[in-house]
Amino acid sequence: MDCGIHQQAEPTEKLREECGVFGIYDFSGEDVASTIYYGLFALQHRGQESCGIAVSDTNGPKGKVLSHKGMGLVNEVFTSEHLAQMKGDIGVGHVRYSTAGGSTRENAQPLVLNYVKGTLGLAHNGNLINAPELRRELELGGAIFQTTIDTEVMAYHIARERVRTKNVEGAVANAMKKMKGAYSLIVMSPRKLIGARDPYGFRPLCIGKRDNAYILASETCALDTIGAEFIRDVEPGEIVTITPQHGIVSDRSMCLKPDSRETTGRCIFEYIYFGRPDSHIDGISVYNSRIKAGRFLAMDSPVEADLVVGVPESGNVAALGYAMESGIPYGMAFFKNSYVGRTFIKPKQSNRESSVRVKLNVMREAVEGKRVIMIDDSIVRGTTSDRIVRMLREAGATEVHMRVSSPPFLYPCYFGTDVPAREQLIAYNRNVEEIRQIIGADTLGYLRLERLPELVDGRLSICNGCFTGKYPLDPPTEDIRGDYER
């Protein structure tokens, strides 16, 4: 339950990706709530602030939706009693992060909307850059909003279009014509499960099947967890409609045309950091992408050392790749406390305890007397990096060489990742040597920008706007990321 007290989030060094979505329709009529629970458990890395599940019985009263959501981790919000009460063969689930100020139970998803045509349940991953404009249009028409998330804006537009169209998938298509930005969307109507992905494909969405049930999920790891077979990825711009009568029906009318000057823009950070290493996204292994990043760092930024270590968890695979390419032994230097959840009370500055030390500790025996190469996925503000470098030195490392499996952040992200304003980025107006001095490493090397396409085998068009300032579509003229959260 939400206690009603919401403090503004502390600036975090690690990037946060705003959501994970999961949907299932079991044509055999079996209850799906527990399956959604385990699917969300597998997607917990995509959002640890709030979560929710909504289900409906397609053979029961039309439009009756049972839902439960709250603040915290999946296993904190749901009990076996909750799941047992949620009877239904179709459902959607969601895990969420928010930007500062948006951490409220009201903003937890899925959203359930009752309207003249029945009910809609929505779960959304991404960020609409024209959410304020779409919101104002609805407010001028008399709409009253219960949340500050752009998912509610999307839900209202879909509901409004549904009044004019013959089916809900047509309403989704019409709404997509108005929406600009990043979205992987799952919609539950009384008799249909619908998945939609923005034309640029910023955020992932895939289709799976288990027995007589079809699944939509942010990542393939969720399919593996529930024992489902991966069918394919939803294409950028595609709308898929799942029903017992027709199976999967695809609408590609919103896909970018092959001869268009526009191009897709998969977020490269899905491969560097957000995705679980055991996932495949748009046909690319996240694990292989990170191994490549580490190998490239070893090729382009070599240094003599005794040990290669990763900053858990996202730096570990890249560190292994660096060790493979360089021949320097790979080892573990850090113990990560996996039990630090949302309820972790951050120490006051007057206390000697560091929130970094509570979550991460160095094993002295592993690093004492050694020259250490430390691999991390990114440096955002630099506050955590300098503490970890200091911890390695205090544990007896004679040298600390930092390598980063992404280029320097120079620009904010408007498409569902909380890369902050430029002034808060350590790389803004600083060169690599100046950053090295701030974090206290002996040497510092970043992944070269031209290496990014190689992480996805050169097969996908990627968005690297946070490194270059060049986005697949024009960003908003005002930064509204703190007002309209994912």
Protein backbone atom coordinates (compact mmCIF):
# COMPACT_ATOMS: atom_id res chain seq x y z
CA MET A 1 0.00 0.00 0.00
CA ASP A 2 1.02 3.58 -0.62
CA CYS A 3 1.53 5.49 2.63
CA GLY A 4 0.84 8.87 1.04
CA ILE A 5 4.28 10.35 1.83
CA HIS A 6 6.39 10.93 -1.28
CA GLN A 7 9.84 12.38 -1.16
CA GLN A 8 11.54 13.63 -4.27
CA ALA A 9 13.93 10.99 -5.49
CA GLU A 10 17.61 11.50 -4.90
CA PRO A 11 19.62 11.96 -8.10
CA THR A 12 20.80 8.51 -9.06
CA GLU A 13 24.01 7.58 -10.83
CA LYS A 14 22.45 4.60 -12.55
CA LEU A 15 20.10 5.20 -15.43
CA ARG A 16 16.53 4.10 -15.02
CA GLU A 17 14.34 2.67 -17.72
CA GLU A 18 10.80 3.47 -17.01
CA CYS A 19 8.75 0.28 -17.47
CA GLY A 20 8.22 -3.34 -18.29
CA VAL A 21 4.96 -4.68 -19.76
CA PHE A 22 3.40 -8.13 -19.94
CA GLY A 23 0.10 -9.38 -21.37
CA ILE A 24 -1.48 -12.80 -21.86
CA TYR A 25 -4.66 -14.28 -23.34
CA ASP A 26 -5.31 -17.94 -22.52
CA PHE A 27 -7.73 -19.35 -25.10
CA SER A 28 -8.36 -22.38 -22.85
CA GLY A 29 -9.97 -20.13 -20.25
CA GLU A 30 -7.36 -20.74 -17.53
CA ASP A 31 -6.66 -18.02 -14.97
CA VAL A 32 -3.64 -15.93 -15.93
CA ALA A 33 -2.88 -13.77 -12.85
CA SER A 34 -0.13 -16.02 -11.49
CA THR A 35 1.51 -16.24 -14.93
CA ILE A 36 1.52 -12.43 -15.17
CA TYR A 37 3.07 -12.32 -11.69
CA TYR A 38 6.00 -14.51 -12.78
CA GLY A 39 6.34 -12.59 -16.04
CA LEU A 40 6.62 -9.33 -14.11
CA PHE A 41 9.10 -10.96 -11.74
CA ALA A 42 11.34 -11.60 -14.75
CA LEU A 43 10.95 -7.96 -15.84
CA GLN A 44 11.58 -6.52 -12.36
CA HIS A 45 14.91 -5.02 -13.53
CA ARG A 46 12.93 -2.64 -15.77
CA GLY A 47 11.03 -1.06 -12.88
CA GLN A 48 11.24 -1.48 -9.12
CA GLU A 49 9.04 1.32 -7.87
CA SER A 50 5.48 0.14 -8.49
CA CYS A 51 3.66 -2.70 -10.21
CA GLY A 52 0.19 -3.90 -11.05
CA ILE A 53 -1.94 -6.59 -12.65
CA ALA A 54 -5.40 -6.33 -14.25
CA VAL A 55 -7.38 -9.37 -15.45
CA SER A 56 -10.76 -10.07 -17.00
CA ASP A 57 -12.85 -13.16 -17.70
CA THR A 58 -13.80 -13.20 -21.39
CA ASN A 59 -16.61 -15.63 -20.59
CA GLY A 60 -17.93 -13.61 -17.67
CA PRO A 61 -19.73 -10.25 -17.41
CA LYS A 62 -18.42 -8.08 -20.24
CA GLY A 63 -16.16 -5.32 -19.05
CA LYS A 64 -15.61 -6.57 -15.50
CA VAL A 65 -11.92 -6.06 -14.65
CA LEU A 66 -10.18 -7.13 -11.45
CA SER A 67 -6.98 -5.24 -10.67
CA HIS A 68 -4.44 -4.76 -7.93
CA LYS A 69 -1.43 -2.45 -7.90
CA GLY A 70 0.83 -0.78 -5.41
CA MET A 71 4.22 0.68 -4.58
CA GLY A 72 7.15 -1.70 -4.31
CA LEU A 73 8.55 -4.87 -5.83
CA VAL A 74 6.34 -7.55 -7.36
CA ASN A 75 6.73 -9.90 -4.40
CA GLU A 76 6.00 -7.02 -1.99
CA VAL A 77 2.79 -5.91 -3.68
CA PHE A 78 1.23 -9.31 -4.44
CA THR A 79 0.40 -12.21 -2.15
CA SER A 80 -0.94 -15.63 -3.09
CA GLU A 81 -4.32 -14.44 -1.77
CA HIS A 82 -4.33 -11.49 -4.19
CA LEU A 83 -3.57 -13.75 -7.13
CA ALA A 84 -6.16 -16.38 -6.13
CA GLN A 85 -8.89 -13.74 -6.14
CA MET A 86 -7.99 -12.44 -9.60
CA LYS A 87 -10.02 -14.75 -11.83
CA GLY A 88 -9.66 -14.17 -15.54
CA ASP A 89 -8.21 -15.61 -18.76
CA ILE A 90 -6.93 -12.33 -20.20
CA GLY A 91 -4.74 -9.79 -18.45
CA VAL A 92 -1.98 -7.20 -18.44
CA GLY A 93 0.80 -6.41 -15.99
CA HIS A 94 3.30 -3.63 -15.48
CA VAL A 95 6.43 -2.74 -13.52
CA ARG A 96 7.42 0.90 -13.30
CA TYR A 97 10.03 3.47 -12.50
CA SER A 98 9.21 7.16 -12.44
CA THR A 99 11.19 10.34 -12.69
CA ALA A 100 11.42 12.56 -9.58
CA GLY A 101 8.08 13.58 -8.11
CA GLY A 102 5.97 10.96 -9.86
CA SER A 103 6.24 8.18 -7.34
CA THR A 104 2.61 7.72 -6.36
CA ARG A 105 0.22 4.80 -6.28
CA GLU A 106 -2.16 6.71 -8.59
CA ASN A 107 0.50 6.61 -11.30
CA ALA A 108 1.01 2.85 -11.02
CA GLN A 109 -0.15 0.79 -13.97
CA PRO A 110 -2.01 -0.91 -15.62
CA LEU A 111 -4.64 1.77 -16.03
CA VAL A 112 -8.23 0.54 -16.23
CA LEU A 113 -10.63 2.83 -18.06
CA ASN A 114 -14.42 2.50 -18.08
CA TYR A 115 -16.06 4.22 -21.03
CA VAL A 116 -19.13 4.03 -23.25
CA LYS A 117 -17.87 0.99 -25.17
CA GLY A 118 -16.86 -0.97 -22.09
CA THR A 119 -13.42 -1.19 -20.47
CA LEU A 120 -9.79 -0.91 -21.48
CA GLY A 121 -6.75 -2.02 -19.51
CA LEU A 122 -3.46 -0.43 -20.60
CA ALA A 123 0.21 -0.96 -19.80
CA HIS A 124 2.80 1.25 -21.45
CA ASN A 125 6.58 1.50 -21.69
CA GLY A 126 8.09 4.67 -23.12
CA ASN A 127 7.47 8.39 -23.23
CA LEU A 128 5.31 10.57 -25.48
CA ILE A 129 7.04 13.81 -26.37
CA ASN A 130 3.72 15.46 -27.28
CA ALA A 131 1.87 14.34 -24.14
CA PRO A 132 1.21 17.93 -22.90
CA GLU A 133 -0.33 18.89 -26.25
CA LEU A 134 -2.56 15.79 -26.34
CA ARG A 135 -3.48 16.30 -22.68
CA ARG A 136 -4.54 19.92 -23.22
CA GLU A 137 -6.70 18.88 -26.16
CA LEU A 138 -8.56 16.42 -23.93
CA GLU A 139 -8.83 18.85 -21.00
CA LEU A 140 -10.42 21.47 -23.25
CA GLY A 141 -12.97 18.80 -24.14
CA GLY A 142 -13.83 18.29 -20.48
CA ALA A 143 -11.57 15.34 -19.60
CA ILE A 144 -10.60 14.99 -15.94
CA PHE A 145 -7.30 13.23 -15.26
CA GLN A 146 -6.56 11.01 -12.27
CA THR A 147 -2.81 10.67 -12.92
CA THR A 148 0.15 12.62 -14.29
CA ILE A 149 1.33 9.84 -16.63
CA ASP A 150 1.07 10.00 -20.39
CA THR A 151 -0.41 6.48 -20.39
CA GLU A 152 -3.71 8.02 -19.29
CA VAL A 153 -3.49 10.46 -22.20
CA MET A 154 -3.06 7.50 -24.55
CA ALA A 155 -5.96 5.64 -22.94
CA TYR A 156 -8.32 8.59 -23.36
CA HIS A 157 -7.38 9.06 -27.01
CA ILE A 158 -7.87 5.37 -27.73
CA ALA A 159 -11.26 5.44 -25.97
CA ARG A 160 -12.31 8.54 -27.90
CA GLU A 161 -11.29 6.98 -31.21
CA ARG A 162 -13.09 3.74 -30.32
CA VAL A 163 -16.43 5.58 -30.42
CA ARG A 164 -15.75 6.34 -34.10
CA THR A 165 -14.22 3.03 -35.21
CA LYS A 166 -15.64 -0.46 -35.66
CA ASN A 167 -13.08 -2.11 -33.36
CA VAL A 168 -10.51 -1.33 -30.69
CA GLU A 169 -7.50 -2.09 -32.89
CA GLY A 170 -8.73 0.56 -35.32
CA ALA A 171 -8.96 2.98 -32.40
CA VAL A 172 -5.36 2.16 -31.43
CA ALA A 173 -4.23 2.83 -35.02
CA ASN A 174 -6.03 6.19 -35.12
CA ALA A 175 -4.58 7.19 -31.76
CA MET A 176 -1.09 6.23 -32.94
CA LYS A 177 -1.40 8.81 -35.73
CA LYS A 178 -1.50 11.49 -33.04
CA MET A 179 1.13 10.09 -30.66
CA LYS A 180 4.77 11.11 -31.04
CA GLY A 181 7.55 9.45 -29.13
CA ALA A 182 8.35 6.07 -27.65
CA TYR A 183 5.77 3.48 -26.68
CA SER A 184 5.40 -0.24 -26.43
CA LEU A 185 1.77 -0.62 -25.49
CA ILE A 186 -0.42 -3.54 -24.40
CA VAL A 187 -4.19 -3.02 -24.44
CA MET A 188 -6.70 -5.43 -22.91
CA SER A 189 -10.26 -5.07 -24.18
CA PRO A 190 -13.09 -7.39 -23.07
CA ARG A 191 -12.35 -9.93 -25.84
CA LYS A 192 -8.99 -8.95 -27.33
CA LEU A 193 -5.33 -8.51 -26.40
CA ILE A 194 -3.55 -5.88 -28.48
CA GLY A 195 0.11 -4.97 -28.69
CA ALA A 196 1.46 -1.85 -30.41
CA ARG A 197 4.93 -0.45 -30.90
CA ASP A 198 5.83 3.06 -32.02
CA PRO A 199 7.07 3.40 -35.62
CA TYR A 200 10.66 4.00 -34.50
CA GLY A 201 10.79 0.93 -32.24
CA PHE A 202 12.45 2.73 -29.32
CA ARG A 203 11.22 0.20 -26.77
CA PRO A 204 11.07 -3.59 -27.21
CA LEU A 205 8.00 -5.83 -27.42
CA CYS A 206 7.83 -9.51 -28.34
CA ILE A 207 5.24 -12.26 -28.85
CA GLY A 208 5.29 -15.70 -27.23
CA LYS A 209 3.09 -18.78 -26.99
CA ARG A 210 2.58 -21.41 -24.28
CA ASP A 211 0.11 -24.21 -24.92
CA ASN A 212 -3.10 -22.39 -25.89
CA ALA A 213 -2.06 -18.98 -24.58
CA TYR A 214 -0.44 -16.04 -26.38
CA ILE A 215 1.85 -13.62 -24.58
CA LEU A 216 3.16 -10.09 -25.18
CA ALA A 217 6.21 -9.00 -23.17
CA SER A 218 8.95 -6.40 -23.07
CA GLU A 219 11.70 -9.03 -23.15
CA THR A 220 12.18 -12.69 -24.06
CA CYS A 221 13.45 -13.47 -20.54
CA ALA A 222 9.83 -13.16 -19.35
CA LEU A 223 8.80 -15.80 -21.89
CA ASP A 224 11.58 -18.11 -20.70
CA THR A 225 10.51 -17.68 -17.08
CA ILE A 226 6.96 -18.90 -17.73
CA GLY A 227 8.02 -21.66 -20.14
CA ALA A 228 6.69 -19.95 -23.26
CA GLU A 229 8.06 -20.24 -26.79
CA PHE A 230 9.31 -17.07 -28.48
CA ILE A 231 7.42 -16.44 -31.72
CA ARG A 232 8.76 -13.09 -32.94
CA ASP A 233 9.26 -9.44 -32.11
CA VAL A 234 6.50 -6.93 -32.74
CA GLU A 235 7.84 -4.76 -35.56
CA PRO A 236 8.25 -1.00 -35.10
CA GLY A 237 4.89 0.58 -36.00
CA GLU A 238 3.05 -2.76 -35.96
CA ILE A 239 -0.25 -3.44 -34.17
CA VAL A 240 -0.99 -7.07 -33.31
CA THR A 241 -4.46 -8.23 -32.27
CA ILE A 242 -4.82 -11.57 -30.48
CA THR A 243 -8.16 -13.42 -30.39
CA PRO A 244 -9.23 -17.09 -30.26
CA GLN A 245 -11.05 -16.69 -33.56
CA HIS A 246 -8.13 -15.36 -35.60
CA GLY A 247 -4.96 -15.96 -33.54
CA ILE A 248 -2.51 -13.13 -34.28
CA VAL A 249 -3.66 -10.51 -36.78
CA SER A 250 -1.09 -7.91 -37.84
CA ASP A 251 -1.65 -4.31 -38.97
CA ARG A 252 1.47 -2.71 -40.42
CA SER A 253 -0.18 0.45 -41.72
CA MET A 254 1.69 2.56 -39.16
CA CYS A 255 5.13 1.12 -40.01
CA LEU A 256 7.60 3.46 -41.67
CA LYS A 257 7.68 2.90 -45.42
CA PRO A 258 10.82 1.18 -46.77
CA ASP A 259 11.53 4.14 -49.07
CA SER A 260 10.93 6.68 -46.29
CA ARG A 261 13.73 9.04 -45.33
CA GLU A 262 12.86 8.29 -41.72
CA THR A 263 14.52 5.39 -39.96
CA THR A 264 13.84 3.22 -36.94
CA GLY A 265 15.58 4.01 -33.68
CA ARG A 266 16.00 1.15 -31.26
CA CYS A 267 17.41 2.42 -27.99
CA ILE A 268 21.04 1.24 -27.86
CA PHE A 269 20.88 1.23 -24.06
CA GLU A 270 18.56 -1.76 -24.16
CA TYR A 271 21.68 -3.70 -25.20
CA ILE A 272 24.24 -1.88 -23.05
CA TYR A 273 22.29 -1.77 -19.79
CA PHE A 274 18.50 -2.14 -19.63
CA GLY A 275 17.89 -5.56 -21.13
CA ARG A 276 18.56 -8.69 -19.09
CA PRO A 277 21.65 -10.52 -20.45
CA ASP A 278 19.56 -13.62 -21.20
CA SER A 279 17.13 -11.67 -23.42
CA HIS A 280 17.09 -11.31 -27.20
CA ILE A 281 15.77 -7.97 -28.45
CA ASP A 282 14.90 -7.56 -32.13
CA GLY A 283 16.91 -10.66 -32.93
CA ILE A 284 20.06 -9.54 -31.12
CA SER A 285 21.45 -11.27 -28.01
CA VAL A 286 21.93 -8.78 -25.18
CA TYR A 287 24.71 -11.01 -23.81
CA ASN A 288 26.59 -11.00 -27.11
CA SER A 289 26.24 -7.22 -27.40
CA ARG A 290 27.88 -6.73 -24.01
CA ILE A 291 30.65 -9.23 -24.75
CA LYS A 292 31.37 -7.22 -27.92
CA ALA A 293 31.39 -3.94 -25.98
CA GLY A 294 34.01 -5.37 -23.63
CA ARG A 295 36.11 -6.71 -26.50
CA PHE A 296 35.99 -3.34 -28.25
CA LEU A 297 37.13 -1.59 -25.07
CA ALA A 298 40.08 -3.98 -24.83
CA MET A 299 40.98 -3.32 -28.48
CA ASP A 300 40.60 0.45 -28.36
CA SER A 301 41.64 1.24 -24.75
CA PRO A 302 44.20 -1.40 -23.70
CA VAL A 303 46.14 -1.15 -20.45
CA GLU A 304 48.45 -3.47 -18.50
CA ALA A 305 46.73 -4.90 -15.43
CA ASP A 306 46.33 -8.00 -13.27
CA LEU A 307 42.54 -8.30 -13.03
CA VAL A 308 39.37 -7.31 -14.93
CA VAL A 309 36.21 -6.80 -12.86
CA GLY A 310 32.69 -5.62 -13.61
CA VAL A 311 30.50 -3.32 -11.55
CA PRO A 312 27.45 -5.52 -10.84
CA GLU A 313 25.29 -6.37 -12.57
CA SER A 314 25.41 -4.59 -15.89
CA GLY A 315 29.20 -4.31 -16.06
CA ASN A 316 29.89 -8.01 -15.54
CA VAL A 317 29.37 -9.32 -19.07
CA ALA A 318 31.31 -6.45 -20.66
CA ALA A 319 34.14 -7.15 -18.18
CA LEU A 320 34.15 -10.78 -19.33
CA GLY A 321 34.43 -9.60 -22.93
CA TYR A 322 37.36 -7.34 -22.02
CA ALA A 323 39.11 -10.25 -20.29
CA MET A 324 38.53 -12.57 -23.26
CA GLU A 325 40.04 -10.08 -25.70
CA SER A 326 42.92 -8.89 -23.51
CA GLY A 327 43.90 -12.18 -21.89
CA ILE A 328 43.87 -10.52 -18.47
CA PRO A 329 42.09 -12.71 -15.88
CA TYR A 330 38.44 -11.97 -15.16
CA GLY A 331 37.43 -11.95 -11.51
CA MET A 332 34.91 -10.80 -8.95
CA ALA A 333 35.78 -7.81 -6.81
CA PHE A 334 32.37 -6.75 -5.57
CA PHE A 335 29.70 -8.29 -3.41
CA LYS A 336 26.28 -6.87 -4.24
CA ASN A 337 23.57 -6.98 -1.60
CA SER A 338 20.56 -8.23 -3.55
CA TYR A 339 18.15 -7.54 -0.71
CA VAL A 340 18.23 -3.75 -0.93
CA GLY A 341 14.71 -3.12 -2.26
CA ARG A 342 12.50 -0.09 -2.56
CA THR A 343 12.10 0.16 1.22
CA PHE A 344 15.82 0.79 1.74
CA ILE A 345 16.27 3.80 4.06
CA LYS A 346 19.07 5.94 2.69
CA PRO A 347 21.59 7.02 5.33
CA LYS A 348 21.75 10.68 6.24
CA GLN A 349 24.87 12.54 5.17
CA SER A 350 25.79 12.92 8.84
CA ASN A 351 26.05 9.13 9.11
CA ARG A 352 29.24 7.36 8.13
CA GLU A 353 27.37 4.70 6.19
CA SER A 354 27.32 5.18 2.45
CA SER A 355 24.34 4.01 0.40
CA VAL A 356 26.87 2.73 -2.12
CA ARG A 357 28.64 0.65 0.54
CA VAL A 358 25.36 -0.78 1.80
CA LYS A 359 24.57 -2.04 -1.69
CA LEU A 360 28.12 -2.86 -2.81
CA ASN A 361 31.25 -3.95 -1.00
CA VAL A 362 34.76 -4.76 -2.23
CA MET A 363 36.36 -8.11 -1.47
CA ARG A 364 39.85 -7.13 -0.31
CA GLU A 365 41.35 -10.54 -1.04
CA ALA A 366 40.45 -10.20 -4.72
CA VAL A 367 42.07 -6.81 -5.37
CA GLU A 368 44.79 -6.22 -2.77
CA GLY A 369 48.14 -5.52 -4.40
CA LYS A 370 46.68 -5.71 -7.92
CA ARG A 371 46.26 -3.41 -10.89
CA VAL A 372 42.51 -3.53 -11.54
CA ILE A 373 40.49 -2.73 -14.67
CA MET A 374 36.94 -1.85 -13.63
CA ILE A 375 34.17 -2.02 -16.26
CA ASP A 376 30.87 -0.19 -15.88
CA ASP A 377 28.07 0.45 -18.38
CA SER A 378 28.01 4.24 -18.04
CA ILE A 379 29.01 7.30 -16.07
CA VAL A 380 26.10 9.71 -15.65
CA ARG A 381 26.88 12.24 -12.91
CA GLY A 382 30.05 10.55 -11.71
CA THR A 383 29.04 10.48 -8.05
CA THR A 384 28.97 6.70 -7.76
CA SER A 385 32.01 6.08 -9.95
CA ASP A 386 34.33 8.12 -7.74
CA ARG A 387 33.12 6.26 -4.63
CA ILE A 388 33.68 2.85 -6.20
CA VAL A 389 37.17 3.82 -7.39
CA ARG A 390 37.95 4.98 -3.85
CA MET A 391 36.60 1.73 -2.39
CA LEU A 392 38.93 -0.31 -4.63
CA ARG A 393 41.93 1.76 -3.55
CA GLU A 394 40.99 1.46 0.12
CA ALA A 395 40.82 -2.33 -0.36
CA GLY A 396 44.42 -2.31 -1.56
CA ALA A 397 44.23 -2.02 -5.37
CA THR A 398 47.50 -0.45 -6.54
CA GLU A 399 45.96 0.93 -9.74
CA VAL A 400 42.35 1.42 -10.88
CA HIS A 401 41.68 1.74 -14.60
CA MET A 402 38.06 2.48 -15.50
CA ARG A 403 36.51 1.43 -18.80
CA VAL A 404 32.95 2.34 -19.78
CA SER A 405 30.91 0.23 -22.21
CA SER A 406 29.12 3.27 -23.66
CA PRO A 407 30.26 6.64 -25.02
CA PRO A 408 30.03 9.77 -22.82
CA PHE A 409 26.51 11.09 -22.17
CA LEU A 410 26.21 14.56 -23.64
CA TYR A 411 22.47 15.03 -24.18
CA PRO A 412 19.22 14.16 -22.36
CA CYS A 413 16.82 11.42 -23.46
CA TYR A 414 13.17 12.18 -24.19
CA PHE A 415 12.07 8.67 -25.08
CA GLY A 416 11.73 6.78 -21.82
CA THR A 417 15.17 6.85 -20.21
CA ASP A 418 16.00 9.29 -17.43
CA VAL A 419 19.25 10.68 -18.83
CA PRO A 420 19.13 14.06 -17.04
CA ALA A 421 19.59 17.61 -18.33
CA ARG A 422 23.00 18.36 -19.87
CA GLU A 423 24.18 20.45 -16.94
CA GLN A 424 23.93 17.41 -14.65
CA LEU A 425 26.02 15.15 -16.89
CA ILE A 426 29.66 14.80 -15.89
CA ALA A 427 30.75 14.72 -19.55
CA TYR A 428 29.06 18.03 -20.31
CA ASN A 429 31.79 20.58 -21.10
CA ARG A 430 34.51 18.19 -19.85
CA ASN A 431 37.00 16.04 -21.70
CA VAL A 432 37.97 12.49 -20.72
CA GLU A 433 41.04 13.61 -18.76
CA GLU A 434 38.96 16.04 -16.68
CA ILE A 435 36.42 13.29 -15.94
CA ARG A 436 39.25 10.91 -15.00
CA GLN A 437 40.54 13.40 -12.46
CA ILE A 438 37.08 13.84 -10.92
CA ILE A 439 36.44 10.11 -10.44
CA GLY A 440 40.04 9.45 -9.34
CA ALA A 441 40.92 6.61 -11.75
CA ASP A 442 44.46 6.08 -13.08
CA THR A 443 43.13 5.89 -16.63
CA LEU A 444 39.68 6.20 -18.19
CA GLY A 445 38.38 4.93 -21.51
CA TYR A 446 34.93 5.00 -23.11
CA LEU A 447 33.43 2.89 -25.88
CA ARG A 448 33.94 4.67 -29.18
CA LEU A 449 30.79 6.09 -30.77
CA GLU A 450 31.43 4.34 -34.09
CA ARG A 451 31.39 0.97 -32.30
CA LEU A 452 27.70 1.25 -31.34
CA PRO A 453 26.25 -0.15 -34.60
CA GLU A 454 28.55 -3.16 -34.23
CA LEU A 455 26.86 -4.02 -30.92
CA VAL A 456 23.74 -4.92 -32.92
CA ASP A 457 25.67 -6.57 -35.79
CA GLY A 458 25.01 -3.53 -38.00
CA ARG A 459 21.51 -4.94 -38.61
CA LEU A 460 19.40 -2.39 -36.74
CA SER A 461 18.98 1.36 -36.95
CA ILE A 462 19.63 2.64 -33.43
CA CYS A 463 18.94 5.76 -31.42
CA ASN A 464 22.13 7.21 -29.94
CA GLY A 465 20.75 10.69 -29.30
CA CYS A 466 22.00 10.78 -25.69
CA PHE A 467 25.55 10.63 -27.09
CA THR A 468 25.18 12.72 -30.27
CA GLY A 469 22.16 14.98 -29.83
CA LYS A 470 20.75 13.54 -33.07
CA TYR A 471 17.39 11.87 -32.45
CA PRO A 472 15.23 9.88 -34.89
CA LEU A 473 12.49 12.50 -34.49
CA ASP A 474 12.60 16.05 -33.23
CA PRO A 475 12.66 16.29 -29.42
CA PRO A 476 10.21 18.60 -27.61
CA THR A 477 11.08 22.27 -27.41
CA GLU A 478 10.63 22.12 -23.63
CA ASP A 479 11.88 19.38 -21.31
CA ILE A 480 8.71 18.04 -19.70
CA ARG A 481 10.12 14.75 -18.43
CA GLY A 482 9.57 15.67 -14.79
CA ASP A 483 5.91 16.56 -15.40
CA TYR A 484 4.69 13.66 -17.50
CA GLU A 485 6.24 10.47 -16.24
CA ARG A 486 6.19 7.01 -17.71
